[in-house]
């Protein structure tokens, strides 16, 4: 187990955390850990989606992305067909 510390949360949040932990039969620490990991991943996906949207919004940049994908697809096809060097 890693080191721990104490944080302040509202009494409403504390009650909700306790309810979730009891419902799932898990520790409150595990619930907080999973919630933070979920939030971290959601933030990462939002950033990736925004970057993807920015690429897609620029026609010349998007054409470059599609050309690169086509190159990778061809390379993958070569490997799959046994034509790799």
C-alpha atoms as a PDB file:
ATOM      1  CA  UNK A   1       0.000   0.000   0.000  1.00  0.00           C
ATOM      2  CA  UNK A   2       1.298   3.448  -0.845  1.00  0.00           C
ATOM      3  CA  UNK A   3       1.647   6.265   1.654  1.00  0.00           C
ATOM      4  CA  UNK A   4      -1.534   8.119   2.583  1.00  0.00           C
ATOM      5  CA  UNK A   5      -2.539  11.636   3.546  1.00  0.00           C
ATOM      6  CA  UNK A   6      -5.662  13.473   4.634  1.00  0.00           C
ATOM      7  CA  UNK A   7      -7.747  15.839   2.504  1.00  0.00           C
ATOM      8  CA  UNK A   8     -10.744  17.964   3.372  1.00  0.00           C
ATOM      9  CA  UNK A   9     -14.041  17.226   1.640  1.00  0.00           C
ATOM     10  CA  UNK A  10     -17.532  18.474   2.301  1.00  0.00           C
ATOM     11  CA  UNK A  11     -19.727  16.388   4.564  1.00  0.00           C
ATOM     12  CA  UNK A  12     -22.031  15.748   1.602  1.00  0.00           C
ATOM     13  CA  UNK A  13     -19.131  14.397  -0.461  1.00  0.00           C
ATOM     14  CA  UNK A  14     -17.973  12.296   2.472  1.00  0.00           C
ATOM     15  CA  UNK A  15     -21.462  10.803   2.851  1.00  0.00           C
ATOM     16  CA  UNK A  16     -21.657  10.069  -0.869  1.00  0.00           C
ATOM     17  CA  UNK A  17     -18.232   8.437  -0.811  1.00  0.00           C
ATOM     18  CA  UNK A  18     -19.260   6.272   2.120  1.00  0.00           C
ATOM     19  CA  UNK A  19     -22.524   5.292   0.393  1.00  0.00           C
ATOM     20  CA  UNK A  20     -20.743   4.314  -2.818  1.00  0.00           C
ATOM     21  CA  UNK A  21     -18.096   2.344  -0.942  1.00  0.00           C
ATOM     22  CA  UNK A  22     -20.691   0.469   1.109  1.00  0.00           C
ATOM     23  CA  UNK A  23     -22.819  -0.257  -1.954  1.00  0.00           C
ATOM     24  CA  UNK A  24     -19.854  -1.672  -3.849  1.00  0.00           C
ATOM     25  CA  UNK A  25     -18.281  -3.369  -0.842  1.00  0.00           C
ATOM     26  CA  UNK A  26     -15.017  -1.536  -1.420  1.00  0.00           C
ATOM     27  CA  UNK A  27     -12.891   0.848   0.584  1.00  0.00           C
ATOM     28  CA  UNK A  28     -13.384   4.585   0.297  1.00  0.00           C
ATOM     29  CA  UNK A  29      -9.723   4.867  -0.641  1.00  0.00           C
ATOM     30  CA  UNK A  30     -10.285   2.521  -3.598  1.00  0.00           C
ATOM     31  CA  UNK A  31     -13.326   4.522  -4.710  1.00  0.00           C
ATOM     32  CA  UNK A  32     -11.354   7.785  -4.633  1.00  0.00           C
ATOM     33  CA  UNK A  33      -8.461   6.161  -6.497  1.00  0.00           C
ATOM     34  CA  UNK A  34     -10.757   4.803  -9.226  1.00  0.00           C
ATOM     35  CA  UNK A  35     -12.607   8.119  -9.521  1.00  0.00           C
ATOM     36  CA  UNK A  36      -9.347  10.023  -9.944  1.00  0.00           C
ATOM     37  CA  UNK A  37      -8.092   7.544 -12.546  1.00  0.00           C
ATOM     38  CA  UNK A  38     -11.393   7.807 -14.440  1.00  0.00           C
ATOM     39  CA  UNK A  39     -11.158  11.617 -14.326  1.00  0.00           C
ATOM     40  CA  UNK A  40      -7.520  11.561 -15.512  1.00  0.00           C
ATOM     41  CA  UNK A  41      -8.427   9.351 -18.462  1.00  0.00           C
ATOM     42  CA  UNK A  42     -11.470  11.455 -19.342  1.00  0.00           C
ATOM     43  CA  UNK A  43      -9.322  14.603 -19.350  1.00  0.00           C
ATOM     44  CA  UNK A  44      -6.762  12.900 -21.600  1.00  0.00           C
ATOM     45  CA  UNK A  45      -9.480  11.804 -24.044  1.00  0.00           C
ATOM     46  CA  UNK A  46     -10.978  15.298 -24.115  1.00  0.00           C
ATOM     47  CA  UNK A  47      -7.551  16.747 -24.959  1.00  0.00           C
ATOM     48  CA  UNK A  48      -6.995  14.128 -27.659  1.00  0.00           C
ATOM     49  CA  UNK A  49     -10.434  14.800 -29.152  1.00  0.00           C
ATOM     50  CA  UNK A  50      -9.741  18.541 -29.225  1.00  0.00           C
ATOM     51  CA  UNK A  51      -6.390  17.952 -30.962  1.00  0.00           C
ATOM     52  CA  UNK A  52      -8.034  15.607 -33.456  1.00  0.00           C
ATOM     53  CA  UNK A  53     -10.743  18.180 -34.152  1.00  0.00           C
ATOM     54  CA  UNK A  54      -8.088  20.835 -34.742  1.00  0.00           C
ATOM     55  CA  UNK A  55      -6.346  18.563 -37.262  1.00  0.00           C
ATOM     56  CA  UNK A  56      -9.628  17.820 -38.991  1.00  0.00           C
ATOM     57  CA  UNK A  57     -10.498  21.535 -39.184  1.00  0.00           C
ATOM     58  CA  UNK A  58      -7.456  22.309 -41.352  1.00  0.00           C
ATOM     59  CA  UNK A  59      -7.956  20.719 -44.791  1.00  0.00           C
ATOM     60  CA  UNK A  60      -4.259  20.674 -45.762  1.00  0.00           C
ATOM     61  CA  UNK A  61      -3.233  19.240 -42.401  1.00  0.00           C
ATOM     62  CA  UNK A  62      -6.035  16.679 -42.531  1.00  0.00           C
ATOM     63  CA  UNK A  63      -4.958  15.624 -46.048  1.00  0.00           C
ATOM     64  CA  UNK A  64      -1.467  15.038 -44.659  1.00  0.00           C
ATOM     65  CA  UNK A  65      -2.882  12.875 -41.864  1.00  0.00           C
ATOM     66  CA  UNK A  66      -4.855  10.811 -44.360  1.00  0.00           C
ATOM     67  CA  UNK A  67      -1.792  10.388 -46.591  1.00  0.00           C
ATOM     68  CA  UNK A  68       0.261   9.191 -43.627  1.00  0.00           C
ATOM     69  CA  UNK A  69      -2.475   6.725 -42.687  1.00  0.00           C
ATOM     70  CA  UNK A  70      -2.513   5.384 -46.235  1.00  0.00           C
ATOM     71  CA  UNK A  71       1.228   4.790 -46.011  1.00  0.00           C
ATOM     72  CA  UNK A  72       0.841   2.896 -42.753  1.00  0.00           C
ATOM     73  CA  UNK A  73      -2.063   0.878 -44.180  1.00  0.00           C
ATOM     74  CA  UNK A  74       0.094  -0.144 -47.135  1.00  0.00           C
ATOM     75  CA  UNK A  75       2.928  -1.173 -44.828  1.00  0.00           C
ATOM     76  CA  UNK A  76       0.547  -3.201 -42.670  1.00  0.00           C
ATOM     77  CA  UNK A  77      -0.894  -4.866 -45.761  1.00  0.00           C
ATOM     78  CA  UNK A  78       2.626  -5.796 -46.896  1.00  0.00           C
ATOM     79  CA  UNK A  79       3.356  -7.442 -43.557  1.00  0.00           C
ATOM     80  CA  UNK A  80      -0.001  -9.219 -43.511  1.00  0.00           C
ATOM     81  CA  UNK A  81       0.616 -10.585 -47.023  1.00  0.00           C
ATOM     82  CA  UNK A  82       4.168 -11.630 -46.223  1.00  0.00           C
ATOM     83  CA  UNK A  83       5.739  -9.029 -48.544  1.00  0.00           C
ATOM     84  CA  UNK A  84       7.787  -7.315 -45.827  1.00  0.00           C
ATOM     85  CA  UNK A  85      11.501  -7.004 -46.468  1.00  0.00           C
END
